[in-house]
Amino acid sequence: MEKTIDESCHGCGRRGDCQSVYEALGKIKGPSVFWKAIFIFLVPLIVFACAAACLDEWLKNRILEPSICTVAVFLLSAAMGGLASAVVWLAVPAWRKRGCSSGKVQDGCHEKKGL
């Protein structure tokens, strides 16, 4: 059974401030993170899938036992996907620093006023 907003806020002493807080949050201007989010989530998956396809073709005639070939393809593809994840993980703080040094107001760069 879900609580309504009124029931959830009934005991809160600041329930009248919620609307103004959410309006202020909605007016904050910042750069779009859409492409960064796509990059962060899809790059490791794409690397894994491409590595699996390429390694399967490459190892098909080199390893004769199919089950060993499948395990080898999976492990090598997972390693490459993990490496891509590590590269993305290292790139994200660099994006944040670059945004801060350019004078843009982003989360963690500058203190926001009015909230």
PDB file of N, CA and C in Angstrom:
ATOM      1  N   MET A   1       0.836  -1.178   0.000  1.00  0.00           N
ATOM      2  CA  MET A   1       0.000   0.000   0.000  1.00  0.00           C
ATOM      3  C   MET A   1       0.884   1.247   0.000  1.00  0.00           C
ATOM      4  N   GLU A   2       0.737   2.082  -1.008  1.00  0.00           N
ATOM      5  CA  GLU A   2       1.573   3.265  -1.149  1.00  0.00           C
ATOM      6  C   GLU A   2       0.975   4.438  -0.393  1.00  0.00           C
ATOM      7  N   LYS A   3       1.864   5.250   0.161  1.00  0.00           N
ATOM      8  CA  LYS A   3       1.431   6.466   0.839  1.00  0.00           C
ATOM      9  C   LYS A   3       1.323   7.591  -0.187  1.00  0.00           C
ATOM     10  N   THR A   4       0.375   8.474   0.029  1.00  0.00           N
ATOM     11  CA  THR A   4       0.292   9.654  -0.822  1.00  0.00           C
ATOM     12  C   THR A   4       1.310  10.673  -0.313  1.00  0.00           C
ATOM     13  N   ILE A   5       1.537  11.692  -1.088  1.00  0.00           N
ATOM     14  CA  ILE A   5       2.493  12.724  -0.711  1.00  0.00           C
ATOM     15  C   ILE A   5       2.050  13.397   0.587  1.00  0.00           C
ATOM     16  N   ASP A   6       0.758  13.658   0.717  1.00  0.00           N
ATOM     17  CA  ASP A   6       0.265  14.309   1.932  1.00  0.00           C
ATOM     18  C   ASP A   6       0.515  13.445   3.161  1.00  0.00           C
ATOM     19  N   GLU A   7       0.315  12.138   3.036  1.00  0.00           N
ATOM     20  CA  GLU A   7       0.552  11.245   4.167  1.00  0.00           C
ATOM     21  C   GLU A   7       2.030  11.167   4.509  1.00  0.00           C
ATOM     22  N   SER A   8       2.896  11.153   3.503  1.00  0.00           N
ATOM     23  CA  SER A   8       4.333  11.083   3.736  1.00  0.00           C
ATOM     24  C   SER A   8       4.865  12.352   4.379  1.00  0.00           C
ATOM     25  N   CYS A   9       4.297  13.487   4.046  1.00  0.00           N
ATOM     26  CA  CYS A   9       4.798  14.772   4.518  1.00  0.00           C
ATOM     27  C   CYS A   9       4.067  15.274   5.764  1.00  0.00           C
ATOM     28  N   HIS A  10       3.085  14.538   6.247  1.00  0.00           N
ATOM     29  CA  HIS A  10       2.238  15.005   7.351  1.00  0.00           C
ATOM     30  C   HIS A  10       3.045  15.427   8.574  1.00  0.00           C
ATOM     31  N   GLY A  11       4.047  14.654   8.956  1.00  0.00           N
ATOM     32  CA  GLY A  11       4.818  14.968  10.157  1.00  0.00           C
ATOM     33  C   GLY A  11       6.024  15.861   9.918  1.00  0.00           C
ATOM     34  N   CYS A  12       6.246  16.275   8.706  1.00  0.00           N
ATOM     35  CA  CYS A  12       7.439  17.059   8.384  1.00  0.00           C
ATOM     36  C   CYS A  12       7.203  18.538   8.674  1.00  0.00           C
ATOM     37  N   GLY A  13       8.144  19.149   9.370  1.00  0.00           N
ATOM     38  CA  GLY A  13       8.034  20.563   9.678  1.00  0.00           C
ATOM     39  C   GLY A  13       8.343  21.464   8.506  1.00  0.00           C
ATOM     40  N   ARG A  14       8.941  20.914   7.452  1.00  0.00           N
ATOM     41  CA  ARG A  14       9.325  21.723   6.282  1.00  0.00           C
ATOM     42  C   ARG A  14       8.501  21.354   5.057  1.00  0.00           C
ATOM     43  N   ARG A  15       7.331  20.792   5.259  1.00  0.00           N
ATOM     44  CA  ARG A  15       6.554  20.317   4.107  1.00  0.00           C
ATOM     45  C   ARG A  15       6.139  21.437   3.155  1.00  0.00           C
ATOM     46  N   GLY A  16       6.052  22.682   3.653  1.00  0.00           N
ATOM     47  CA  GLY A  16       5.707  23.805   2.785  1.00  0.00           C
ATOM     48  C   GLY A  16       6.865  24.240   1.895  1.00  0.00           C
ATOM     49  N   ASP A  17       8.084  23.831   2.243  1.00  0.00           N
ATOM     50  CA  ASP A  17       9.262  24.234   1.475  1.00  0.00           C
ATOM     51  C   ASP A  17       9.546  23.327   0.285  1.00  0.00           C
ATOM     52  N   CYS A  18       8.934  22.157   0.247  1.00  0.00           N
ATOM     53  CA  CYS A  18       9.248  21.172  -0.799  1.00  0.00           C
ATOM     54  C   CYS A  18       9.047  21.729  -2.205  1.00  0.00           C
ATOM     55  N   GLN A  19       7.929  22.388  -2.415  1.00  0.00           N
ATOM     56  CA  GLN A  19       7.641  22.883  -3.755  1.00  0.00           C
ATOM     57  C   GLN A  19       8.701  23.881  -4.202  1.00  0.00           C
ATOM     58  N   SER A  20       9.103  24.778  -3.320  1.00  0.00           N
ATOM     59  CA  SER A  20      10.105  25.769  -3.710  1.00  0.00           C
ATOM     60  C   SER A  20      11.458  25.116  -3.955  1.00  0.00           C
ATOM     61  N   VAL A  21      11.788  24.087  -3.185  1.00  0.00           N
ATOM     62  CA  VAL A  21      13.054  23.383  -3.388  1.00  0.00           C
ATOM     63  C   VAL A  21      13.056  22.696  -4.747  1.00  0.00           C
ATOM     64  N   TYR A  22      11.981  21.976  -5.081  1.00  0.00           N
ATOM     65  CA  TYR A  22      11.926  21.290  -6.375  1.00  0.00           C
ATOM     66  C   TYR A  22      11.878  22.266  -7.538  1.00  0.00           C
ATOM     67  N   GLU A  23      11.235  23.419  -7.366  1.00  0.00           N
ATOM     68  CA  GLU A  23      11.252  24.433  -8.421  1.00  0.00           C
ATOM     69  C   GLU A  23      12.665  24.956  -8.631  1.00  0.00           C
ATOM     70  N   ALA A  24      13.400  25.195  -7.541  1.00  0.00           N
ATOM     71  CA  ALA A  24      14.778  25.671  -7.663  1.00  0.00           C
ATOM     72  C   ALA A  24      15.656  24.620  -8.322  1.00  0.00           C
ATOM     73  N   LEU A  25      15.472  23.355  -7.955  1.00  0.00           N
ATOM     74  CA  LEU A  25      16.253  22.287  -8.589  1.00  0.00           C
ATOM     75  C   LEU A  25      15.950  22.182 -10.081  1.00  0.00           C
ATOM     76  N   GLY A  26      14.707  22.392 -10.445  1.00  0.00           N
ATOM     77  CA  GLY A  26      14.326  22.319 -11.854  1.00  0.00           C
ATOM     78  C   GLY A  26      14.878  23.448 -12.696  1.00  0.00           C
ATOM     79  N   LYS A  27      15.219  24.562 -12.058  1.00  0.00           N
ATOM     80  CA  LYS A  27      15.729  25.717 -12.804  1.00  0.00           C
ATOM     81  C   LYS A  27      17.246  25.731 -12.933  1.00  0.00           C
ATOM     82  N   ILE A  28      17.940  24.781 -12.306  1.00  0.00           N
ATOM     83  CA  ILE A  28      19.394  24.734 -12.391  1.00  0.00           C
ATOM     84  C   ILE A  28      19.804  24.422 -13.827  1.00  0.00           C
ATOM     85  N   LYS A  29      20.679  25.218 -14.361  1.00  0.00           N
ATOM     86  CA  LYS A  29      21.179  25.010 -15.718  1.00  0.00           C
ATOM     87  C   LYS A  29      22.511  24.277 -15.650  1.00  0.00           C
ATOM     88  N   GLY A  30      22.697  23.343 -16.511  1.00  0.00           N
ATOM     89  CA  GLY A  30      23.945  22.607 -16.565  1.00  0.00           C
ATOM     90  C   GLY A  30      24.050  21.893 -17.900  1.00  0.00           C
ATOM     91  N   PRO A  31      25.218  21.351 -18.179  1.00  0.00           N
ATOM     92  CA  PRO A  31      25.409  20.651 -19.443  1.00  0.00           C
ATOM     93  C   PRO A  31      24.641  19.332 -19.451  1.00  0.00           C
ATOM     94  N   SER A  32      24.270  18.909 -20.622  1.00  0.00           N
ATOM     95  CA  SER A  32      23.571  17.643 -20.777  1.00  0.00           C
ATOM     96  C   SER A  32      24.525  16.486 -20.497  1.00  0.00           C
ATOM     97  N   VAL A  33      24.041  15.503 -19.785  1.00  0.00           N
ATOM     98  CA  VAL A  33      24.855  14.326 -19.491  1.00  0.00           C
ATOM     99  C   VAL A  33      24.404  13.128 -20.318  1.00  0.00           C
ATOM    100  N   PHE A  34      23.516  13.353 -21.262  1.00  0.00           N
ATOM    101  CA  PHE A  34      22.950  12.264 -22.053  1.00  0.00           C
ATOM    102  C   PHE A  34      24.022  11.452 -22.765  1.00  0.00           C
ATOM    103  N   TRP A  35      24.897  12.116 -23.514  1.00  0.00           N
ATOM    104  CA  TRP A  35      25.908  11.384 -24.287  1.00  0.00           C
ATOM    105  C   TRP A  35      26.944  10.730 -23.377  1.00  0.00           C
ATOM    106  N   LYS A  36      27.250  11.366 -22.260  1.00  0.00           N
ATOM    107  CA  LYS A  36      28.173  10.747 -21.313  1.00  0.00           C
ATOM    108  C   LYS A  36      27.565   9.476 -20.735  1.00  0.00           C
ATOM    109  N   ALA A  37      26.272   9.519 -20.411  1.00  0.00           N
ATOM    110  CA  ALA A  37      25.609   8.332 -19.864  1.00  0.00           C
ATOM    111  C   ALA A  37      25.570   7.210 -20.897  1.00  0.00           C
ATOM    112  N   ILE A  38      25.279   7.546 -22.135  1.00  0.00           N
ATOM    113  CA  ILE A  38      25.281   6.541 -23.204  1.00  0.00           C
ATOM    114  C   ILE A  38      26.675   5.930 -23.319  1.00  0.00           C
ATOM    115  N   PHE A  39      27.694   6.765 -23.311  1.00  0.00           N
ATOM    116  CA  PHE A  39      29.077   6.299 -23.418  1.00  0.00           C
ATOM    117  C   PHE A  39      29.431   5.380 -22.254  1.00  0.00           C
ATOM    118  N   ILE A  40      29.108   5.805 -21.040  1.00  0.00           N
ATOM    119  CA  ILE A  40      29.481   5.051 -19.849  1.00  0.00           C
ATOM    120  C   ILE A  40      28.838   3.671 -19.833  1.00  0.00           C
ATOM    121  N   PHE A  41      27.596   3.559 -20.238  1.00  0.00           N
ATOM    122  CA  PHE A  41      26.896   2.281 -20.156  1.00  0.00           C
ATOM    123  C   PHE A  41      27.066   1.403 -21.385  1.00  0.00           C
ATOM    124  N   LEU A  42      27.154   2.000 -22.552  1.00  0.00           N
ATOM    125  CA  LEU A  42      27.181   1.190 -23.766  1.00  0.00           C
ATOM    126  C   LEU A  42      28.576   0.775 -24.222  1.00  0.00           C
ATOM    127  N   VAL A  43      29.581   1.585 -23.979  1.00  0.00           N
ATOM    128  CA  VAL A  43      30.922   1.253 -24.470  1.00  0.00           C
ATOM    129  C   VAL A  43      31.406  -0.104 -23.953  1.00  0.00           C
ATOM    130  N   PRO A  44      31.331  -0.383 -22.646  1.00  0.00           N
ATOM    131  CA  PRO A  44      31.784  -1.712 -22.201  1.00  0.00           C
ATOM    132  C   PRO A  44      30.971  -2.856 -22.815  1.00  0.00           C
ATOM    133  N   LEU A  45      29.667  -2.661 -22.989  1.00  0.00           N
ATOM    134  CA  LEU A  45      28.838  -3.706 -23.597  1.00  0.00           C
ATOM    135  C   LEU A  45      29.193  -3.922 -25.069  1.00  0.00           C
ATOM    136  N   ILE A  46      29.419  -2.831 -25.774  1.00  0.00           N
ATOM    137  CA  ILE A  46      29.787  -2.939 -27.185  1.00  0.00           C
ATOM    138  C   ILE A  46      31.151  -3.595 -27.332  1.00  0.00           C
ATOM    139  N   VAL A  47      32.100  -3.223 -26.469  1.00  0.00           N
ATOM    140  CA  VAL A  47      33.430  -3.838 -26.511  1.00  0.00           C
ATOM    141  C   VAL A  47      33.324  -5.332 -26.250  1.00  0.00           C
ATOM    142  N   PHE A  48      32.534  -5.726 -25.249  1.00  0.00           N
ATOM    143  CA  PHE A  48      32.352  -7.140 -24.939  1.00  0.00           C
ATOM    144  C   PHE A  48      31.759  -7.893 -26.137  1.00  0.00           C
ATOM    145  N   ALA A  49      30.701  -7.346 -26.729  1.00  0.00           N
ATOM    146  CA  ALA A  49      30.035  -8.020 -27.855  1.00  0.00           C
ATOM    147  C   ALA A  49      30.950  -8.124 -29.069  1.00  0.00           C
ATOM    148  N   CYS A  50      31.633  -7.048 -29.392  1.00  0.00           N
ATOM    149  CA  CYS A  50      32.548  -7.084 -30.546  1.00  0.00           C
ATOM    150  C   CYS A  50      33.719  -8.029 -30.300  1.00  0.00           C
ATOM    151  N   ALA A  51      34.248  -8.021 -29.080  1.00  0.00           N
ATOM    152  CA  ALA A  51      35.347  -8.927 -28.747  1.00  0.00           C
ATOM    153  C   ALA A  51      34.877 -10.378 -28.840  1.00  0.00           C
ATOM    154  N   ALA A  52      33.678 -10.653 -28.361  1.00  0.00           N
ATOM    155  CA  ALA A  52      33.159 -12.019 -28.421  1.00  0.00           C
ATOM    156  C   ALA A  52      33.004 -12.482 -29.868  1.00  0.00           C
ATOM    157  N   ALA A  53      32.473 -11.623 -30.714  1.00  0.00           N
ATOM    158  CA  ALA A  53      32.286 -12.000 -32.116  1.00  0.00           C
ATOM    159  C   ALA A  53      33.632 -12.215 -32.810  1.00  0.00           C
ATOM    160  N   CYS A  54      34.553 -11.303 -32.604  1.00  0.00           N
ATOM    161  CA  CYS A  54      35.866 -11.416 -33.264  1.00  0.00           C
ATOM    162  C   CYS A  54      36.672 -12.600 -32.723  1.00  0.00           C
ATOM    163  N   LEU A  55      36.676 -12.757 -31.415  1.00  0.00           N
ATOM    164  CA  LEU A  55      37.435 -13.869 -30.823  1.00  0.00           C
ATOM    165  C   LEU A  55      36.849 -15.210 -31.189  1.00  0.00           C
ATOM    166  N   ASP A  56      35.534 -15.294 -31.289  1.00  0.00           N
ATOM    167  CA  ASP A  56      34.903 -16.553 -31.682  1.00  0.00           C
ATOM    168  C   ASP A  56      35.355 -16.953 -33.080  1.00  0.00           C
ATOM    169  N   GLU A  57      35.356 -16.001 -33.974  1.00  0.00           N
ATOM    170  CA  GLU A  57      35.797 -16.286 -35.337  1.00  0.00           C
ATOM    171  C   GLU A  57      37.282 -16.632 -35.378  1.00  0.00           C
ATOM    172  N   TRP A  58      38.081 -15.915 -34.611  1.00  0.00           N
ATOM    173  CA  TRP A  58      39.526 -16.110 -34.622  1.00  0.00           C
ATOM    174  C   TRP A  58      39.933 -17.423 -33.958  1.00  0.00           C
ATOM    175  N   LEU A  59      39.261 -17.784 -32.875  1.00  0.00           N
ATOM    176  CA  LEU A  59      39.621 -19.003 -32.140  1.00  0.00           C
ATOM    177  C   LEU A  59      38.925 -20.266 -32.658  1.00  0.00           C
ATOM    178  N   LYS A  60      37.979 -20.106 -33.570  1.00  0.00           N
ATOM    179  CA  LYS A  60      37.195 -21.241 -34.057  1.00  0.00           C
ATOM    180  C   LYS A  60      38.079 -22.363 -34.592  1.00  0.00           C
ATOM    181  N   ASN A  61      39.054 -22.051 -35.384  1.00  0.00           N
ATOM    182  CA  ASN A  61      39.922 -23.075 -35.983  1.00  0.00           C
ATOM    183  C   ASN A  61      41.202 -23.304 -35.180  1.00  0.00           C
ATOM    184  N   ARG A  62      41.443 -22.504 -34.180  1.00  0.00           N
ATOM    185  CA  ARG A  62      42.649 -22.662 -33.369  1.00  0.00           C
ATOM    186  C   ARG A  62      42.433 -23.587 -32.168  1.00  0.00           C
ATOM    187  N   ILE A  63      41.244 -23.575 -31.597  1.00  0.00           N
ATOM    188  CA  ILE A  63      40.906 -24.467 -30.480  1.00  0.00           C
ATOM    189  C   ILE A  63      39.823 -25.413 -30.981  1.00  0.00           C
ATOM    190  N   LEU A  64      40.136 -26.688 -31.029  1.00  0.00           N
ATOM    191  CA  LEU A  64      39.241 -27.657 -31.633  1.00  0.00           C
ATOM    192  C   LEU A  64      38.082 -28.062 -30.720  1.00  0.00           C
ATOM    193  N   GLU A  65      38.283 -28.051 -29.427  1.00  0.00           N
ATOM    194  CA  GLU A  65      37.218 -28.424 -28.483  1.00  0.00           C
ATOM    195  C   GLU A  65      36.251 -27.245 -28.337  1.00  0.00           C
ATOM    196  N   PRO A  66      34.965 -27.390 -28.744  1.00  0.00           N
ATOM    197  CA  PRO A  66      34.021 -26.260 -28.726  1.00  0.00           C
ATOM    198  C   PRO A  66      33.770 -25.680 -27.330  1.00  0.00           C
ATOM    199  N   SER A  67      33.711 -26.529 -26.309  1.00  0.00           N
ATOM    200  CA  SER A  67      33.432 -25.999 -24.969  1.00  0.00           C
ATOM    201  C   SER A  67      34.604 -25.168 -24.450  1.00  0.00           C
ATOM    202  N   ILE A  68      35.820 -25.585 -24.735  1.00  0.00           N
ATOM    203  CA  ILE A  68      36.996 -24.814 -24.322  1.00  0.00           C
ATOM    204  C   ILE A  68      37.060 -23.508 -25.107  1.00  0.00           C
ATOM    205  N   CYS A  69      36.703 -23.573 -26.363  1.00  0.00           N
ATOM    206  CA  CYS A  69      36.687 -22.363 -27.196  1.00  0.00           C
ATOM    207  C   CYS A  69      35.664 -21.360 -26.650  1.00  0.00           C
ATOM    208  N   THR A  70      34.492 -21.853 -26.265  1.00  0.00           N
ATOM    209  CA  THR A  70      33.447 -20.975 -25.725  1.00  0.00           C
ATOM    210  C   THR A  70      33.908 -20.306 -24.431  1.00  0.00           C
ATOM    211  N   VAL A  71      34.519 -21.090 -23.544  1.00  0.00           N
ATOM    212  CA  VAL A  71      35.019 -20.538 -22.286  1.00  0.00           C
ATOM    213  C   VAL A  71      36.117 -19.519 -22.551  1.00  0.00           C
ATOM    214  N   ALA A  72      37.014 -19.823 -23.470  1.00  0.00           N
ATOM    215  CA  ALA A  72      38.108 -18.901 -23.793  1.00  0.00           C
ATOM    216  C   ALA A  72      37.566 -17.596 -24.372  1.00  0.00           C
ATOM    217  N   VAL A  73      36.593 -17.700 -25.269  1.00  0.00           N
ATOM    218  CA  VAL A  73      35.991 -16.503 -25.862  1.00  0.00           C
ATOM    219  C   VAL A  73      35.325 -15.666 -24.786  1.00  0.00           C
ATOM    220  N   PHE A  74      34.570 -16.324 -23.900  1.00  0.00           N
ATOM    221  CA  PHE A  74      33.878 -15.583 -22.843  1.00  0.00           C
ATOM    222  C   PHE A  74      34.874 -14.885 -21.915  1.00  0.00           C
ATOM    223  N   LEU A  75      35.878 -15.605 -21.459  1.00  0.00           N
ATOM    224  CA  LEU A  75      36.835 -15.024 -20.525  1.00  0.00           C
ATOM    225  C   LEU A  75      37.632 -13.869 -21.148  1.00  0.00           C
ATOM    226  N   LEU A  76      38.074 -14.056 -22.382  1.00  0.00           N
ATOM    227  CA  LEU A  76      38.817 -12.984 -23.047  1.00  0.00           C
ATOM    228  C   LEU A  76      37.923 -11.775 -23.330  1.00  0.00           C
ATOM    229  N   SER A  77      36.682 -12.028 -23.722  1.00  0.00           N
ATOM    230  CA  SER A  77      35.742 -10.926 -23.972  1.00  0.00           C
ATOM    231  C   SER A  77      35.413 -10.194 -22.680  1.00  0.00           C
ATOM    232  N   ALA A  78      35.233 -10.944 -21.595  1.00  0.00           N
ATOM    233  CA  ALA A  78      34.958 -10.319 -20.306  1.00  0.00           C
ATOM    234  C   ALA A  78      36.147  -9.469 -19.856  1.00  0.00           C
ATOM    235  N   ALA A  79      37.355  -9.957 -20.104  1.00  0.00           N
ATOM    236  CA  ALA A  79      38.545  -9.186 -19.750  1.00  0.00           C
ATOM    237  C   ALA A  79      38.601  -7.886 -20.551  1.00  0.00           C
ATOM    238  N   MET A  80      38.269  -7.957 -21.820  1.00  0.00           N
ATOM    239  CA  MET A  80      38.288  -6.748 -22.648  1.00  0.00           C
ATOM    240  C   MET A  80      37.170  -5.786 -22.237  1.00  0.00           C
ATOM    241  N   GLY A  81      35.997  -6.320 -21.911  1.00  0.00           N
ATOM    242  CA  GLY A  81      34.911  -5.475 -21.416  1.00  0.00           C
ATOM    243  C   GLY A  81      35.291  -4.826 -20.090  1.00  0.00           C
ATOM    244  N   GLY A  82      35.959  -5.582 -19.217  1.00  0.00           N
ATOM    245  CA  GLY A  82      36.438  -5.030 -17.951  1.00  0.00           C
ATOM    246  C   GLY A  82      37.466  -3.936 -18.159  1.00  0.00           C
ATOM    247  N   LEU A  83      38.337  -4.130 -19.121  1.00  0.00           N
ATOM    248  CA  LEU A  83      39.325  -3.103 -19.448  1.00  0.00           C
ATOM    249  C   LEU A  83      38.636  -1.837 -19.968  1.00  0.00           C
ATOM    250  N   ALA A  84      37.612  -2.015 -20.800  1.00  0.00           N
ATOM    251  CA  ALA A  84      36.852  -0.862 -21.294  1.00  0.00           C
ATOM    252  C   ALA A  84      36.147  -0.158 -20.143  1.00  0.00           C
ATOM    253  N   SER A  85      35.620  -0.919 -19.184  1.00  0.00           N
ATOM    254  CA  SER A  85      34.977  -0.316 -18.004  1.00  0.00           C
ATOM    255  C   SER A  85      35.984   0.486 -17.194  1.00  0.00           C
ATOM    256  N   ALA A  86      37.184  -0.038 -17.049  1.00  0.00           N
ATOM    257  CA  ALA A  86      38.229   0.671 -16.303  1.00  0.00           C
ATOM    258  C   ALA A  86      38.596   1.976 -17.007  1.00  0.00           C
ATOM    259  N   VAL A  87      38.687   1.947 -18.321  1.00  0.00           N
ATOM    260  CA  VAL A  87      39.013   3.166 -19.079  1.00  0.00           C
ATOM    261  C   VAL A  87      37.899   4.198 -18.897  1.00  0.00           C
ATOM    262  N   VAL A  88      36.646   3.754 -18.967  1.00  0.00           N
ATOM    263  CA  VAL A  88      35.517   4.665 -18.765  1.00  0.00           C
ATOM    264  C   VAL A  88      35.540   5.214 -17.346  1.00  0.00           C
ATOM    265  N   TRP A  89      35.799   4.357 -16.366  1.00  0.00           N
ATOM    266  CA  TRP A  89      35.846   4.777 -14.963  1.00  0.00           C
ATOM    267  C   TRP A  89      36.923   5.832 -14.750  1.00  0.00           C
ATOM    268  N   LEU A  90      38.042   5.692 -15.437  1.00  0.00           N
ATOM    269  CA  LEU A  90      39.118   6.679 -15.326  1.00  0.00           C
ATOM    270  C   LEU A  90      38.789   7.968 -16.081  1.00  0.00           C
ATOM    271  N   ALA A  91      37.978   7.872 -17.128  1.00  0.00           N
ATOM    272  CA  ALA A  91      37.646   9.044 -17.936  1.00  0.00           C
ATOM    273  C   ALA A  91      36.629   9.945 -17.250  1.00  0.00           C
ATOM    274  N   VAL A  92      35.738   9.392 -16.440  1.00  0.00           N
ATOM    275  CA  VAL A  92      34.668  10.183 -15.837  1.00  0.00           C
ATOM    276  C   VAL A  92      35.206  11.294 -14.937  1.00  0.00           C
ATOM    277  N   PRO A  93      36.158  11.049 -14.022  1.00  0.00           N
ATOM    278  CA  PRO A  93      36.686  12.177 -13.225  1.00  0.00           C
ATOM    279  C   PRO A  93      37.358  13.248 -14.087  1.00  0.00           C
ATOM    280  N   ALA A  94      37.959  12.849 -15.187  1.00  0.00           N
ATOM    281  CA  ALA A  94      38.580  13.829 -16.080  1.00  0.00           C
ATOM    282  C   ALA A  94      37.518  14.736 -16.697  1.00  0.00           C
ATOM    283  N   TRP A  95      36.351  14.191 -17.038  1.00  0.00           N
ATOM    284  CA  TRP A  95      35.263  15.016 -17.567  1.00  0.00           C
ATOM    285  C   TRP A  95      34.810  16.017 -16.526  1.00  0.00           C
ATOM    286  N   ARG A  96      34.688  15.561 -15.271  1.00  0.00           N
ATOM    287  CA  ARG A  96      34.228  16.431 -14.205  1.00  0.00           C
ATOM    288  C   ARG A  96      35.215  17.577 -13.990  1.00  0.00           C
ATOM    289  N   LYS A  97      36.501  17.264 -13.977  1.00  0.00           N
ATOM    290  CA  LYS A  97      37.520  18.296 -13.776  1.00  0.00           C
ATOM    291  C   LYS A  97      37.529  19.282 -14.931  1.00  0.00           C
ATOM    292  N   ARG A  98      37.372  18.783 -16.149  1.00  0.00           N
ATOM    293  CA  ARG A  98      37.379  19.662 -17.308  1.00  0.00           C
ATOM    294  C   ARG A  98      36.204  20.626 -17.251  1.00  0.00           C
ATOM    295  N   GLY A  99      35.040  20.145 -16.813  1.00  0.00           N
ATOM    296  CA  GLY A  99      33.873  21.013 -16.676  1.00  0.00           C
ATOM    297  C   GLY A  99      34.068  22.065 -15.608  1.00  0.00           C
ATOM    298  N   CYS A 100      34.753  21.713 -14.509  1.00  0.00           N
ATOM    299  CA  CYS A 100      34.984  22.666 -13.416  1.00  0.00           C
ATOM    300  C   CYS A 100      35.954  23.748 -13.846  1.00  0.00           C
ATOM    301  N   SER A 101      36.989  23.388 -14.551  1.00  0.00           N
ATOM    302  CA  SER A 101      37.999  24.380 -14.932  1.00  0.00           C
ATOM    303  C   SER A 101      37.490  25.328 -16.004  1.00  0.00           C
ATOM    304  N   SER A 102      36.436  24.925 -16.713  1.00  0.00           N
ATOM    305  CA  SER A 102      35.922  25.797 -17.764  1.00  0.00           C
ATOM    306  C   SER A 102      34.964  26.849 -17.225  1.00  0.00           C
ATOM    307  N   GLY A 103      34.700  26.806 -15.903  1.00  0.00           N
ATOM    308  CA  GLY A 103      33.828  27.807 -15.309  1.00  0.00           C
ATOM    309  C   GLY A 103      32.364  27.420 -15.306  1.00  0.00           C
ATOM    310  N   LYS A 104      32.036  26.252 -15.812  1.00  0.00           N
ATOM    311  CA  LYS A 104      30.651  25.806 -15.811  1.00  0.00           C
ATOM    312  C   LYS A 104      30.278  25.347 -14.406  1.00  0.00           C
ATOM    313  N   VAL A 105      29.034  25.575 -14.049  1.00  0.00           N
ATOM    314  CA  VAL A 105      28.553  25.128 -12.745  1.00  0.00           C
ATOM    315  C   VAL A 105      28.024  23.708 -12.902  1.00  0.00           C
ATOM    316  N   GLN A 106      28.671  22.781 -12.235  1.00  0.00           N
ATOM    317  CA  GLN A 106      28.264  21.382 -12.268  1.00  0.00           C
ATOM    318  C   GLN A 106      28.255  20.849 -10.855  1.00  0.00           C
ATOM    319  N   ASP A 107      27.636  19.700 -10.662  1.00  0.00           N
ATOM    320  CA  ASP A 107      27.644  19.069  -9.351  1.00  0.00           C
ATOM    321  C   ASP A 107      29.073  18.855  -8.914  1.00  0.00           C
ATOM    322  N   GLY A 108      29.391  19.250  -7.711  1.00  0.00           N
ATOM    323  CA  GLY A 108      30.713  19.035  -7.166  1.00  0.00           C
ATOM    324  C   GLY A 108      31.749  20.078  -7.552  1.00  0.00           C
ATOM    325  N   CYS A 109      31.436  20.966  -8.499  1.00  0.00           N
ATOM    326  CA  CYS A 109      32.403  21.974  -8.915  1.00  0.00           C
ATOM    327  C   CYS A 109      32.300  23.222  -8.063  1.00  0.00           C
ATOM    328  N   HIS A 110      31.136  23.815  -8.022  1.00  0.00           N
ATOM    329  CA  HIS A 110      30.936  25.073  -7.333  1.00  0.00           C
ATOM    330  C   HIS A 110      29.716  24.937  -6.431  1.00  0.00           C
ATOM    331  N   GLU A 111      29.727  25.692  -5.366  1.00  0.00           N
ATOM    332  CA  GLU A 111      28.571  25.682  -4.471  1.00  0.00           C
ATOM    333  C   GLU A 111      27.426  26.394  -5.155  1.00  0.00           C
ATOM    334  N   LYS A 112      26.249  25.760  -5.149  1.00  0.00           N
ATOM    335  CA  LYS A 112      25.073  26.367  -5.757  1.00  0.00           C
ATOM    336  C   LYS A 112      24.372  27.216  -4.715  1.00  0.00           C
ATOM    337  N   LYS A 113      23.928  28.378  -5.121  1.00  0.00           N
ATOM    338  CA  LYS A 113      23.228  29.267  -4.193  1.00  0.00           C
ATOM    339  C   LYS A 113      21.739  29.240  -4.503  1.00  0.00           C
ATOM    340  N   GLY A 114      20.963  29.479  -3.498  1.00  0.00           N
ATOM    341  CA  GLY A 114      19.513  29.548  -3.694  1.00  0.00           C
ATOM    342  C   GLY A 114      18.808  28.252  -3.361  1.00  0.00           C
ATOM    343  N   LEU A 115      19.531  27.250  -2.870  1.00  0.00           N
ATOM    344  CA  LEU A 115      18.866  25.991  -2.494  1.00  0.00           C
ATOM    345  C   LEU A 115      18.862  25.832  -1.015  1.00  0.00           C
TER     346      LEU A 115
END
